[in-house]
Amino acid sequence: MDKESRVYIAGHRGMVGSAIWRLLESHGFKHLIGMAHSELDLLNAQAVQDFYSKYKPEYVFLAAAKVGGIGANSAYPAQFIYENLQLQNHIIHQAYLHGVKKLLFLGSSCIYPKMAPQPLKEEYLLTGPLEPSNEWYALAKISGLKMCQAYRRQYGCDFISCMPTNLYGPGDNYHLDNSHVVPALIRKFHEAKTRQDQDVICWGSGKPLREFLHVDDMAKACGHLMERYSEEQTINIGSGKELSIFELAELVKKVVDFKGRVTWDTSKPDGTPRKLLDISRISNLGWKPEIDLEDGLELAYQDFLNRPQTRMK
């Protein structure tokens, strides 16, 4: 992949896709391709075929997906499995038919079994039951990475896949019902601060352990893999560090400068008890994260403040 290559970033307006776009643009790539939903419906097989025929991308970052937190996954299971299967099937298959040189499929760490040993190694995939609260999304992502492996075996396609940990940063979704934990906490604490509330109520017990990675670090990892990785085995991307949701909430509280209390609604689900990725494979390829969590949360909060329209949804 060089600066003259035609590079398609599926999902270029999303958090991950936009970070990859910023990274490549900053490195001087001249032919980046991105399509808004109004320009290209990825659920439409013919539209995706026509897109590939017209633009002829040489490299593809498949960052498009229907995403959301526990609440959204529980409320819309059919949409999560159908839409994710459709869009990734169309993009991967047409990449094969149109001779794409390399494709990177972005999965999710939720593909691993709920009670798998920690930290999570790539080979733990499909060794046990999934976390029920996001199994529909996880099943679609598993299908996507297996599709990349299948096309690699049968057709010799250089299709690779990576499994990122929990991501946050510029371009995130701050919807209280459909967002992931970091943006949801940022919005909760900010709005409580604005109203001068005495407390903020958070879901669950606060005990689950999670790992978080700034999306700009994720983008750099994706670029690193496109240049240096070409194997069937999926590869984890994470920070290698974990903290409890309780500790995360206290950190967001500090960043937002909320002075009240944090209380926990234990009637709400916790999700997987612990989720930490083993990142030894990508570390051995020479990549490591650069953005500290507290610094990253400061950047994320500034992004939230700079996009007031996101707080109205």
C-alpha atoms as a PDB file:
ATOM      1  CA  MET A   1       0.000   0.000   0.000  1.00  0.00           C
ATOM      2  CA  ASP A   2       1.510   3.292  -1.065  1.00  0.00           C
ATOM      3  CA  LYS A   3       0.365   6.911  -1.242  1.00  0.00           C
ATOM      4  CA  GLU A   4      -1.001   6.455  -4.779  1.00  0.00           C
ATOM      5  CA  SER A   5      -3.110   3.403  -3.854  1.00  0.00           C
ATOM      6  CA  ARG A   6      -6.893   3.557  -4.037  1.00  0.00           C
ATOM      7  CA  VAL A   7      -8.007   2.851  -0.466  1.00  0.00           C
ATOM      8  CA  TYR A   8     -11.650   2.279   0.455  1.00  0.00           C
ATOM      9  CA  ILE A   9     -12.570   2.866   4.099  1.00  0.00           C
ATOM     10  CA  ALA A  10     -15.996   1.332   4.675  1.00  0.00           C
ATOM     11  CA  GLY A  11     -17.569   3.228   7.537  1.00  0.00           C
ATOM     12  CA  HIS A  12     -15.341   6.285   7.092  1.00  0.00           C
ATOM     13  CA  ARG A  13     -17.721   8.509   9.074  1.00  0.00           C
ATOM     14  CA  GLY A  14     -17.766   6.226  12.090  1.00  0.00           C
ATOM     15  CA  MET A  15     -15.371   6.480  14.992  1.00  0.00           C
ATOM     16  CA  VAL A  16     -12.883   3.860  13.750  1.00  0.00           C
ATOM     17  CA  GLY A  17     -13.232   4.612  10.055  1.00  0.00           C
ATOM     18  CA  SER A  18     -12.732   8.340  10.530  1.00  0.00           C
ATOM     19  CA  ALA A  19      -9.621   7.671  12.643  1.00  0.00           C
ATOM     20  CA  ILE A  20      -8.171   5.491   9.875  1.00  0.00           C
ATOM     21  CA  TRP A  21      -9.024   8.221   7.349  1.00  0.00           C
ATOM     22  CA  ARG A  22      -7.260  10.876   9.452  1.00  0.00           C
ATOM     23  CA  LEU A  23      -4.202   8.663   9.807  1.00  0.00           C
ATOM     24  CA  LEU A  24      -3.854   7.889   6.100  1.00  0.00           C
ATOM     25  CA  GLU A  25      -4.576  11.477   5.103  1.00  0.00           C
ATOM     26  CA  SER A  26      -1.859  12.696   7.480  1.00  0.00           C
ATOM     27  CA  HIS A  27       0.566  10.276   5.809  1.00  0.00           C
ATOM     28  CA  GLY A  28      -0.148  11.693   2.368  1.00  0.00           C
ATOM     29  CA  PHE A  29      -2.465   9.087   0.846  1.00  0.00           C
ATOM     30  CA  LYS A  30      -4.063  10.778  -2.146  1.00  0.00           C
ATOM     31  CA  HIS A  31      -6.883   8.443  -3.198  1.00  0.00           C
ATOM     32  CA  LEU A  32      -8.999   7.695  -0.140  1.00  0.00           C
ATOM     33  CA  ILE A  33     -12.528   6.506  -0.908  1.00  0.00           C
ATOM     34  CA  GLY A  34     -15.445   6.933   1.473  1.00  0.00           C
ATOM     35  CA  MET A  35     -19.186   6.740   0.885  1.00  0.00           C
ATOM     36  CA  ALA A  36     -21.937   8.033   3.144  1.00  0.00           C
ATOM     37  CA  HIS A  37     -25.019   5.843   3.564  1.00  0.00           C
ATOM     38  CA  SER A  38     -26.948   8.216   1.300  1.00  0.00           C
ATOM     39  CA  GLU A  39     -24.399   7.505  -1.446  1.00  0.00           C
ATOM     40  CA  LEU A  40     -23.969   3.763  -0.913  1.00  0.00           C
ATOM     41  CA  ASP A  41     -26.306   1.372   0.905  1.00  0.00           C
ATOM     42  CA  LEU A  42     -24.057  -1.470   2.043  1.00  0.00           C
ATOM     43  CA  LEU A  43     -27.110  -3.688   2.589  1.00  0.00           C
ATOM     44  CA  ASN A  44     -27.782  -3.529  -1.166  1.00  0.00           C
ATOM     45  CA  ALA A  45     -25.704  -6.166  -2.963  1.00  0.00           C
ATOM     46  CA  GLN A  46     -26.071  -4.586  -6.415  1.00  0.00           C
ATOM     47  CA  ALA A  47     -25.116  -1.155  -5.111  1.00  0.00           C
ATOM     48  CA  VAL A  48     -21.931  -2.553  -3.554  1.00  0.00           C
ATOM     49  CA  GLN A  49     -21.066  -4.378  -6.775  1.00  0.00           C
ATOM     50  CA  ASP A  50     -21.570  -1.187  -8.796  1.00  0.00           C
ATOM     51  CA  PHE A  51     -19.396   0.736  -6.331  1.00  0.00           C
ATOM     52  CA  TYR A  52     -16.481  -1.691  -6.730  1.00  0.00           C
ATOM     53  CA  SER A  53     -16.836  -1.640 -10.533  1.00  0.00           C
ATOM     54  CA  LYS A  54     -16.724   2.156 -10.623  1.00  0.00           C
ATOM     55  CA  TYR A  55     -14.077   3.003  -8.004  1.00  0.00           C
ATOM     56  CA  LYS A  56     -11.855  -0.092  -8.205  1.00  0.00           C
ATOM     57  CA  PRO A  57     -10.369   0.055  -4.697  1.00  0.00           C
ATOM     58  CA  GLU A  58      -7.064  -1.747  -4.244  1.00  0.00           C
ATOM     59  CA  TYR A  59      -7.145  -1.866  -0.448  1.00  0.00           C
ATOM     60  CA  VAL A  60     -10.130  -2.066   1.881  1.00  0.00           C
ATOM     61  CA  PHE A  61     -10.526  -1.305   5.584  1.00  0.00           C
ATOM     62  CA  LEU A  62     -13.857  -2.829   6.607  1.00  0.00           C
ATOM     63  CA  ALA A  63     -14.803  -0.661   9.584  1.00  0.00           C
ATOM     64  CA  ALA A  64     -18.519  -0.355   8.787  1.00  0.00           C
ATOM     65  CA  ALA A  65     -20.883  -2.002  11.259  1.00  0.00           C
ATOM     66  CA  LYS A  66     -24.080  -1.556  13.208  1.00  0.00           C
ATOM     67  CA  VAL A  67     -22.809  -1.070  16.748  1.00  0.00           C
ATOM     68  CA  GLY A  68     -24.176  -0.307  20.204  1.00  0.00           C
ATOM     69  CA  GLY A  69     -23.974  -1.128  23.877  1.00  0.00           C
ATOM     70  CA  ILE A  70     -25.775  -3.741  25.987  1.00  0.00           C
ATOM     71  CA  GLY A  71     -29.102  -1.924  25.775  1.00  0.00           C
ATOM     72  CA  ALA A  72     -29.081  -1.655  21.982  1.00  0.00           C
ATOM     73  CA  ASN A  73     -27.963  -5.271  21.504  1.00  0.00           C
ATOM     74  CA  SER A  74     -30.769  -6.484  23.743  1.00  0.00           C
ATOM     75  CA  ALA A  75     -33.412  -4.314  22.062  1.00  0.00           C
ATOM     76  CA  TYR A  76     -32.480  -4.934  18.399  1.00  0.00           C
ATOM     77  CA  PRO A  77     -31.021  -8.472  18.076  1.00  0.00           C
ATOM     78  CA  ALA A  78     -32.437  -9.082  14.590  1.00  0.00           C
ATOM     79  CA  GLN A  79     -31.060  -5.829  13.211  1.00  0.00           C
ATOM     80  CA  PHE A  80     -27.640  -6.446  14.752  1.00  0.00           C
ATOM     81  CA  ILE A  81     -27.184  -9.881  13.195  1.00  0.00           C
ATOM     82  CA  TYR A  82     -28.897  -9.195   9.855  1.00  0.00           C
ATOM     83  CA  GLU A  83     -27.351  -5.840   9.011  1.00  0.00           C
ATOM     84  CA  ASN A  84     -23.835  -6.796  10.045  1.00  0.00           C
ATOM     85  CA  LEU A  85     -23.953 -10.073   8.134  1.00  0.00           C
ATOM     86  CA  GLN A  86     -25.298  -8.384   5.018  1.00  0.00           C
ATOM     87  CA  LEU A  87     -22.871  -5.500   4.791  1.00  0.00           C
ATOM     88  CA  GLN A  88     -19.747  -7.536   5.536  1.00  0.00           C
ATOM     89  CA  ASN A  89     -20.791 -10.315   3.129  1.00  0.00           C
ATOM     90  CA  HIS A  90     -21.271  -7.790   0.329  1.00  0.00           C
ATOM     91  CA  ILE A  91     -17.992  -5.936   0.938  1.00  0.00           C
ATOM     92  CA  ILE A  92     -15.837  -9.065   1.347  1.00  0.00           C
ATOM     93  CA  HIS A  93     -17.337 -10.942  -1.602  1.00  0.00           C
ATOM     94  CA  GLN A  94     -17.043  -8.007  -3.988  1.00  0.00           C
ATOM     95  CA  ALA A  95     -13.471  -7.425  -2.815  1.00  0.00           C
ATOM     96  CA  TYR A  96     -12.701 -10.958  -4.001  1.00  0.00           C
ATOM     97  CA  LEU A  97     -14.568 -10.549  -7.300  1.00  0.00           C
ATOM     98  CA  HIS A  98     -12.817  -7.255  -8.088  1.00  0.00           C
ATOM     99  CA  GLY A  99      -9.302  -8.355  -7.195  1.00  0.00           C
ATOM    100  CA  VAL A 100      -8.690  -6.218  -4.113  1.00  0.00           C
ATOM    101  CA  LYS A 101      -5.045  -6.600  -3.087  1.00  0.00           C
ATOM    102  CA  LYS A 102      -5.674  -6.616   0.650  1.00  0.00           C
ATOM    103  CA  LEU A 103      -8.630  -6.288   2.997  1.00  0.00           C
ATOM    104  CA  LEU A 104      -8.649  -5.764   6.765  1.00  0.00           C
ATOM    105  CA  PHE A 105     -11.827  -6.802   8.576  1.00  0.00           C
ATOM    106  CA  LEU A 106     -12.404  -5.207  11.969  1.00  0.00           C
ATOM    107  CA  GLY A 107     -14.125  -7.495  14.418  1.00  0.00           C
ATOM    108  CA  SER A 108     -14.716  -7.080  18.145  1.00  0.00           C
ATOM    109  CA  SER A 109     -13.412  -8.608  21.353  1.00  0.00           C
ATOM    110  CA  CYS A 110     -16.988  -9.668  22.172  1.00  0.00           C
ATOM    111  CA  ILE A 111     -16.450 -12.659  19.877  1.00  0.00           C
ATOM    112  CA  TYR A 112     -14.683 -14.526  22.663  1.00  0.00           C
ATOM    113  CA  PRO A 113     -16.515 -16.878  25.049  1.00  0.00           C
ATOM    114  CA  LYS A 114     -17.952 -15.241  28.149  1.00  0.00           C
ATOM    115  CA  MET A 115     -15.932 -17.381  30.555  1.00  0.00           C
ATOM    116  CA  ALA A 116     -12.757 -17.838  28.498  1.00  0.00           C
ATOM    117  CA  PRO A 117      -9.415 -17.720  30.356  1.00  0.00           C
ATOM    118  CA  GLN A 118      -7.832 -14.286  30.721  1.00  0.00           C
ATOM    119  CA  PRO A 119      -6.114 -12.609  29.031  1.00  0.00           C
ATOM    120  CA  LEU A 120      -7.943 -13.626  25.865  1.00  0.00           C
ATOM    121  CA  LYS A 121      -5.783 -15.359  23.267  1.00  0.00           C
ATOM    122  CA  GLU A 122      -6.828 -15.530  19.627  1.00  0.00           C
ATOM    123  CA  GLU A 123      -7.109 -19.326  19.774  1.00  0.00           C
ATOM    124  CA  TYR A 124      -9.882 -19.138  22.419  1.00  0.00           C
ATOM    125  CA  LEU A 125     -12.406 -18.286  19.706  1.00  0.00           C
ATOM    126  CA  LEU A 126     -15.371 -20.727  19.593  1.00  0.00           C
ATOM    127  CA  THR A 127     -14.291 -22.643  22.706  1.00  0.00           C
ATOM    128  CA  GLY A 128     -17.393 -21.757  24.765  1.00  0.00           C
ATOM    129  CA  PRO A 129     -20.722 -19.865  24.953  1.00  0.00           C
ATOM    130  CA  LEU A 130     -20.833 -16.159  24.141  1.00  0.00           C
ATOM    131  CA  GLU A 131     -21.987 -13.364  26.447  1.00  0.00           C
ATOM    132  CA  PRO A 132     -25.804 -13.391  25.877  1.00  0.00           C
ATOM    133  CA  SER A 133     -26.161  -9.605  25.996  1.00  0.00           C
ATOM    134  CA  ASN A 134     -24.272  -9.130  22.701  1.00  0.00           C
ATOM    135  CA  GLU A 135     -24.268 -12.555  21.063  1.00  0.00           C
ATOM    136  CA  TRP A 136     -26.054 -11.391  17.897  1.00  0.00           C
ATOM    137  CA  TYR A 137     -23.378  -8.836  17.092  1.00  0.00           C
ATOM    138  CA  ALA A 138     -20.663 -11.296  18.114  1.00  0.00           C
ATOM    139  CA  LEU A 139     -22.013 -14.030  15.830  1.00  0.00           C
ATOM    140  CA  ALA A 140     -21.992 -11.658  12.879  1.00  0.00           C
ATOM    141  CA  LYS A 141     -18.400 -10.634  13.606  1.00  0.00           C
ATOM    142  CA  ILE A 142     -17.298 -14.260  13.953  1.00  0.00           C
ATOM    143  CA  SER A 143     -18.874 -14.946  10.567  1.00  0.00           C
ATOM    144  CA  GLY A 144     -16.953 -12.034   9.052  1.00  0.00           C
ATOM    145  CA  LEU A 145     -13.550 -13.172  10.240  1.00  0.00           C
ATOM    146  CA  LYS A 146     -14.328 -16.765   9.210  1.00  0.00           C
ATOM    147  CA  MET A 147     -15.370 -15.479   5.799  1.00  0.00           C
ATOM    148  CA  CYS A 148     -11.989 -13.793   5.434  1.00  0.00           C
ATOM    149  CA  GLN A 149     -10.287 -17.050   6.356  1.00  0.00           C
ATOM    150  CA  ALA A 150     -12.441 -19.026   3.913  1.00  0.00           C
ATOM    151  CA  TYR A 151     -11.733 -16.683   0.985  1.00  0.00           C
ATOM    152  CA  ARG A 152      -8.067 -16.795   1.876  1.00  0.00           C
ATOM    153  CA  ARG A 153      -8.050 -20.612   1.786  1.00  0.00           C
ATOM    154  CA  GLN A 154     -10.165 -21.103  -1.331  1.00  0.00           C
ATOM    155  CA  TYR A 155      -9.177 -18.124  -3.473  1.00  0.00           C
ATOM    156  CA  GLY A 156      -5.835 -17.006  -2.053  1.00  0.00           C
ATOM    157  CA  CYS A 157      -7.188 -13.567  -1.082  1.00  0.00           C
ATOM    158  CA  ASP A 158      -4.997 -11.504   1.241  1.00  0.00           C
ATOM    159  CA  PHE A 159      -7.880 -10.866   3.634  1.00  0.00           C
ATOM    160  CA  ILE A 160      -6.931 -10.421   7.290  1.00  0.00           C
ATOM    161  CA  SER A 161      -8.900  -9.663  10.447  1.00  0.00           C
ATOM    162  CA  CYS A 162      -8.261  -7.980  13.772  1.00  0.00           C
ATOM    163  CA  MET A 163     -10.130  -7.947  17.059  1.00  0.00           C
ATOM    164  CA  PRO A 164     -10.045  -4.553  18.829  1.00  0.00           C
ATOM    165  CA  THR A 165     -10.815  -4.128  22.487  1.00  0.00           C
ATOM    166  CA  ASN A 166     -13.262  -1.470  23.759  1.00  0.00           C
ATOM    167  CA  LEU A 167     -12.587   1.729  21.818  1.00  0.00           C
ATOM    168  CA  TYR A 168     -13.295   5.355  22.596  1.00  0.00           C
ATOM    169  CA  GLY A 169     -12.324   8.787  21.281  1.00  0.00           C
ATOM    170  CA  PRO A 170     -13.227  11.391  18.632  1.00  0.00           C
ATOM    171  CA  GLY A 171     -16.329  10.564  16.620  1.00  0.00           C
ATOM    172  CA  ASP A 172     -17.885   8.362  19.307  1.00  0.00           C
ATOM    173  CA  ASN A 173     -21.632   7.910  19.776  1.00  0.00           C
ATOM    174  CA  TYR A 174     -22.860   9.616  22.979  1.00  0.00           C
ATOM    175  CA  HIS A 175     -26.452   8.375  22.881  1.00  0.00           C
ATOM    176  CA  LEU A 176     -27.405   7.309  26.422  1.00  0.00           C
ATOM    177  CA  ASP A 177     -29.274   4.188  25.246  1.00  0.00           C
ATOM    178  CA  ASN A 178     -27.189   3.043  22.275  1.00  0.00           C
ATOM    179  CA  SER A 179     -23.614   3.993  23.173  1.00  0.00           C
ATOM    180  CA  HIS A 180     -20.774   2.064  24.777  1.00  0.00           C
ATOM    181  CA  VAL A 181     -19.677   2.599  28.350  1.00  0.00           C
ATOM    182  CA  VAL A 182     -17.094   5.408  27.957  1.00  0.00           C
ATOM    183  CA  PRO A 183     -19.236   7.833  25.906  1.00  0.00           C
ATOM    184  CA  ALA A 184     -22.311   6.992  28.001  1.00  0.00           C
ATOM    185  CA  LEU A 185     -20.421   7.855  31.190  1.00  0.00           C
ATOM    186  CA  ILE A 186     -19.020  11.054  29.706  1.00  0.00           C
ATOM    187  CA  ARG A 187     -22.507  12.247  28.792  1.00  0.00           C
ATOM    188  CA  LYS A 188     -24.046  11.145  32.105  1.00  0.00           C
ATOM    189  CA  PHE A 189     -21.472  12.944  34.215  1.00  0.00           C
ATOM    190  CA  HIS A 190     -21.499  16.062  32.038  1.00  0.00           C
ATOM    191  CA  GLU A 191     -25.270  16.411  32.125  1.00  0.00           C
ATOM    192  CA  ALA A 192     -25.340  15.756  35.881  1.00  0.00           C
ATOM    193  CA  LYS A 193     -22.698  18.438  36.325  1.00  0.00           C
ATOM    194  CA  THR A 194     -24.711  20.886  34.189  1.00  0.00           C
ATOM    195  CA  ARG A 195     -27.876  20.212  36.222  1.00  0.00           C
ATOM    196  CA  GLN A 196     -25.896  20.298  39.480  1.00  0.00           C
ATOM    197  CA  ASP A 197     -27.204  16.859  40.428  1.00  0.00           C
ATOM    198  CA  GLN A 198     -26.094  15.275  43.678  1.00  0.00           C
ATOM    199  CA  ASP A 199     -25.437  11.846  42.152  1.00  0.00           C
ATOM    200  CA  VAL A 200     -25.047   9.848  38.946  1.00  0.00           C
ATOM    201  CA  ILE A 201     -26.599   6.380  38.629  1.00  0.00           C
ATOM    202  CA  CYS A 202     -24.511   3.844  36.685  1.00  0.00           C
ATOM    203  CA  TRP A 203     -25.567   0.422  35.397  1.00  0.00           C
ATOM    204  CA  GLY A 204     -24.540  -2.788  37.160  1.00  0.00           C
ATOM    205  CA  SER A 205     -22.232  -3.373  40.083  1.00  0.00           C
ATOM    206  CA  GLY A 206     -19.123  -1.630  38.769  1.00  0.00           C
ATOM    207  CA  LYS A 207     -17.134  -4.829  39.321  1.00  0.00           C
ATOM    208  CA  PRO A 208     -16.516  -6.068  35.746  1.00  0.00           C
ATOM    209  CA  LEU A 209     -13.005  -5.493  34.439  1.00  0.00           C
ATOM    210  CA  ARG A 210     -12.488  -3.895  31.053  1.00  0.00           C
ATOM    211  CA  GLU A 211      -9.704  -2.735  28.760  1.00  0.00           C
ATOM    212  CA  PHE A 212      -9.899   0.478  26.723  1.00  0.00           C
ATOM    213  CA  LEU A 213      -7.972   1.765  23.710  1.00  0.00           C
ATOM    214  CA  HIS A 214      -8.049   5.212  22.143  1.00  0.00           C
ATOM    215  CA  VAL A 215      -9.314   5.043  18.566  1.00  0.00           C
ATOM    216  CA  ASP A 216      -6.241   6.852  17.188  1.00  0.00           C
ATOM    217  CA  ASP A 217      -4.063   4.053  18.594  1.00  0.00           C
ATOM    218  CA  MET A 218      -6.433   1.584  16.945  1.00  0.00           C
ATOM    219  CA  ALA A 219      -6.041   3.343  13.589  1.00  0.00           C
ATOM    220  CA  LYS A 220      -2.252   3.134  13.846  1.00  0.00           C
ATOM    221  CA  ALA A 221      -2.537  -0.574  14.630  1.00  0.00           C
ATOM    222  CA  CYS A 222      -4.680  -1.090  11.517  1.00  0.00           C
ATOM    223  CA  GLY A 223      -2.138   0.690   9.343  1.00  0.00           C
ATOM    224  CA  HIS A 224       0.615  -1.383  10.955  1.00  0.00           C
ATOM    225  CA  LEU A 225      -1.210  -4.622  10.148  1.00  0.00           C
ATOM    226  CA  MET A 226      -1.872  -3.620   6.547  1.00  0.00           C
ATOM    227  CA  GLU A 227       1.858  -3.170   6.083  1.00  0.00           C
ATOM    228  CA  ARG A 228       3.238  -6.024   8.176  1.00  0.00           C
ATOM    229  CA  TYR A 229       0.679  -8.803   8.655  1.00  0.00           C
ATOM    230  CA  SER A 230      -0.611 -11.403   6.224  1.00  0.00           C
ATOM    231  CA  GLU A 231      -1.851 -14.502   8.013  1.00  0.00           C
ATOM    232  CA  GLU A 232      -5.143 -16.360   8.412  1.00  0.00           C
ATOM    233  CA  GLN A 233      -5.120 -16.097  12.207  1.00  0.00           C
ATOM    234  CA  THR A 234      -7.054 -13.121  13.534  1.00  0.00           C
ATOM    235  CA  ILE A 235      -5.021 -10.762  15.706  1.00  0.00           C
ATOM    236  CA  ASN A 236      -5.949  -8.885  18.889  1.00  0.00           C
ATOM    237  CA  ILE A 237      -5.544  -5.132  19.332  1.00  0.00           C
ATOM    238  CA  GLY A 238      -5.718  -3.679  22.825  1.00  0.00           C
ATOM    239  CA  SER A 239      -3.945  -1.648  25.473  1.00  0.00           C
ATOM    240  CA  GLY A 240      -2.897  -4.607  27.589  1.00  0.00           C
ATOM    241  CA  LYS A 241      -4.235  -2.812  30.699  1.00  0.00           C
ATOM    242  CA  GLU A 242      -7.512  -3.260  32.549  1.00  0.00           C
ATOM    243  CA  LEU A 243      -9.557  -1.507  35.214  1.00  0.00           C
ATOM    244  CA  SER A 244     -12.967  -1.998  36.791  1.00  0.00           C
ATOM    245  CA  ILE A 245     -16.030  -0.134  35.561  1.00  0.00           C
ATOM    246  CA  PHE A 246     -16.116   1.427  39.028  1.00  0.00           C
ATOM    247  CA  GLU A 247     -12.583   2.781  38.502  1.00  0.00           C
ATOM    248  CA  LEU A 248     -13.517   3.956  35.011  1.00  0.00           C
ATOM    249  CA  ALA A 249     -16.516   5.853  36.363  1.00  0.00           C
ATOM    250  CA  GLU A 250     -14.343   7.551  38.963  1.00  0.00           C
ATOM    251  CA  LEU A 251     -11.851   8.514  36.266  1.00  0.00           C
ATOM    252  CA  VAL A 252     -14.570   9.977  34.014  1.00  0.00           C
ATOM    253  CA  LYS A 253     -15.997  11.792  37.032  1.00  0.00           C
ATOM    254  CA  LYS A 254     -12.579  13.379  37.568  1.00  0.00           C
ATOM    255  CA  VAL A 255     -12.119  14.343  33.913  1.00  0.00           C
ATOM    256  CA  VAL A 256     -15.600  15.915  33.719  1.00  0.00           C
ATOM    257  CA  ASP A 257     -15.122  17.508  37.162  1.00  0.00           C
ATOM    258  CA  PHE A 258     -18.417  16.244  38.584  1.00  0.00           C
ATOM    259  CA  LYS A 259     -18.565  16.844  42.345  1.00  0.00           C
ATOM    260  CA  GLY A 260     -21.442  14.547  43.330  1.00  0.00           C
ATOM    261  CA  ARG A 261     -21.737  10.849  44.207  1.00  0.00           C
ATOM    262  CA  VAL A 262     -21.724   7.744  42.023  1.00  0.00           C
ATOM    263  CA  THR A 263     -24.389   5.110  42.803  1.00  0.00           C
ATOM    264  CA  TRP A 264     -24.801   1.714  41.147  1.00  0.00           C
ATOM    265  CA  ASP A 265     -28.049   0.162  39.884  1.00  0.00           C
ATOM    266  CA  THR A 266     -27.390  -3.546  40.442  1.00  0.00           C
ATOM    267  CA  SER A 267     -30.690  -4.487  38.776  1.00  0.00           C
ATOM    268  CA  LYS A 268     -28.991  -3.732  35.459  1.00  0.00           C
ATOM    269  CA  PRO A 269     -26.726  -6.323  33.738  1.00  0.00           C
ATOM    270  CA  ASP A 270     -22.961  -6.315  34.151  1.00  0.00           C
ATOM    271  CA  GLY A 271     -22.094  -8.198  30.971  1.00  0.00           C
ATOM    272  CA  THR A 272     -18.929 -10.274  30.789  1.00  0.00           C
ATOM    273  CA  PRO A 273     -17.104 -10.327  34.172  1.00  0.00           C
ATOM    274  CA  ARG A 274     -13.686  -9.660  32.688  1.00  0.00           C
ATOM    275  CA  LYS A 275     -12.329  -8.954  29.220  1.00  0.00           C
ATOM    276  CA  LEU A 276      -8.629  -8.374  28.635  1.00  0.00           C
ATOM    277  CA  LEU A 277      -6.959  -9.181  25.335  1.00  0.00           C
ATOM    278  CA  ASP A 278      -3.612 -10.892  24.975  1.00  0.00           C
ATOM    279  CA  ILE A 279      -1.803  -8.510  22.614  1.00  0.00           C
ATOM    280  CA  SER A 280       1.481 -10.402  22.400  1.00  0.00           C
ATOM    281  CA  ARG A 281       1.054 -11.187  18.687  1.00  0.00           C
ATOM    282  CA  ILE A 282       0.719  -7.568  17.550  1.00  0.00           C
ATOM    283  CA  SER A 283       3.314  -6.459  20.111  1.00  0.00           C
ATOM    284  CA  ASN A 284       5.769  -8.850  18.483  1.00  0.00           C
ATOM    285  CA  LEU A 285       5.099  -7.060  15.198  1.00  0.00           C
ATOM    286  CA  GLY A 286       6.394  -3.821  16.712  1.00  0.00           C
ATOM    287  CA  TRP A 287       3.161  -2.007  17.574  1.00  0.00           C
ATOM    288  CA  LYS A 288       2.254  -0.571  20.972  1.00  0.00           C
ATOM    289  CA  PRO A 289      -0.387   1.910  22.196  1.00  0.00           C
ATOM    290  CA  GLU A 290       0.717   5.477  22.865  1.00  0.00           C
ATOM    291  CA  ILE A 291      -2.235   7.267  24.523  1.00  0.00           C
ATOM    292  CA  ASP A 292      -2.698   6.912  28.293  1.00  0.00           C
ATOM    293  CA  LEU A 293      -6.315   6.317  29.399  1.00  0.00           C
ATOM    294  CA  GLU A 294      -6.727   9.490  31.434  1.00  0.00           C
ATOM    295  CA  ASP A 295      -5.190  11.590  28.645  1.00  0.00           C
ATOM    296  CA  GLY A 296      -7.434   9.829  26.156  1.00  0.00           C
ATOM    297  CA  LEU A 297     -10.531  10.517  28.260  1.00  0.00           C
ATOM    298  CA  GLU A 298      -9.591  14.205  28.348  1.00  0.00           C
ATOM    299  CA  LEU A 299      -9.449  14.180  24.548  1.00  0.00           C
ATOM    300  CA  ALA A 300     -12.763  12.322  24.347  1.00  0.00           C
ATOM    301  CA  TYR A 301     -14.456  14.822  26.665  1.00  0.00           C
ATOM    302  CA  GLN A 302     -13.226  17.703  24.531  1.00  0.00           C
ATOM    303  CA  ASP A 303     -14.665  15.934  21.478  1.00  0.00           C
ATOM    304  CA  PHE A 304     -18.001  15.644  23.293  1.00  0.00           C
ATOM    305  CA  LEU A 305     -17.984  19.342  24.183  1.00  0.00           C
ATOM    306  CA  ASN A 306     -17.124  20.286  20.603  1.00  0.00           C
ATOM    307  CA  ARG A 307     -20.089  18.362  19.154  1.00  0.00           C
ATOM    308  CA  PRO A 308     -23.186  19.691  20.957  1.00  0.00           C
ATOM    309  CA  GLN A 309     -25.517  18.114  18.411  1.00  0.00           C
ATOM    310  CA  THR A 310     -24.548  14.667  19.674  1.00  0.00           C
ATOM    311  CA  ARG A 311     -25.973  15.485  23.079  1.00  0.00           C
ATOM    312  CA  MET A 312     -29.463  16.074  21.723  1.00  0.00           C
ATOM    313  CA  LYS A 313     -29.942  12.515  20.426  1.00  0.00           C
END
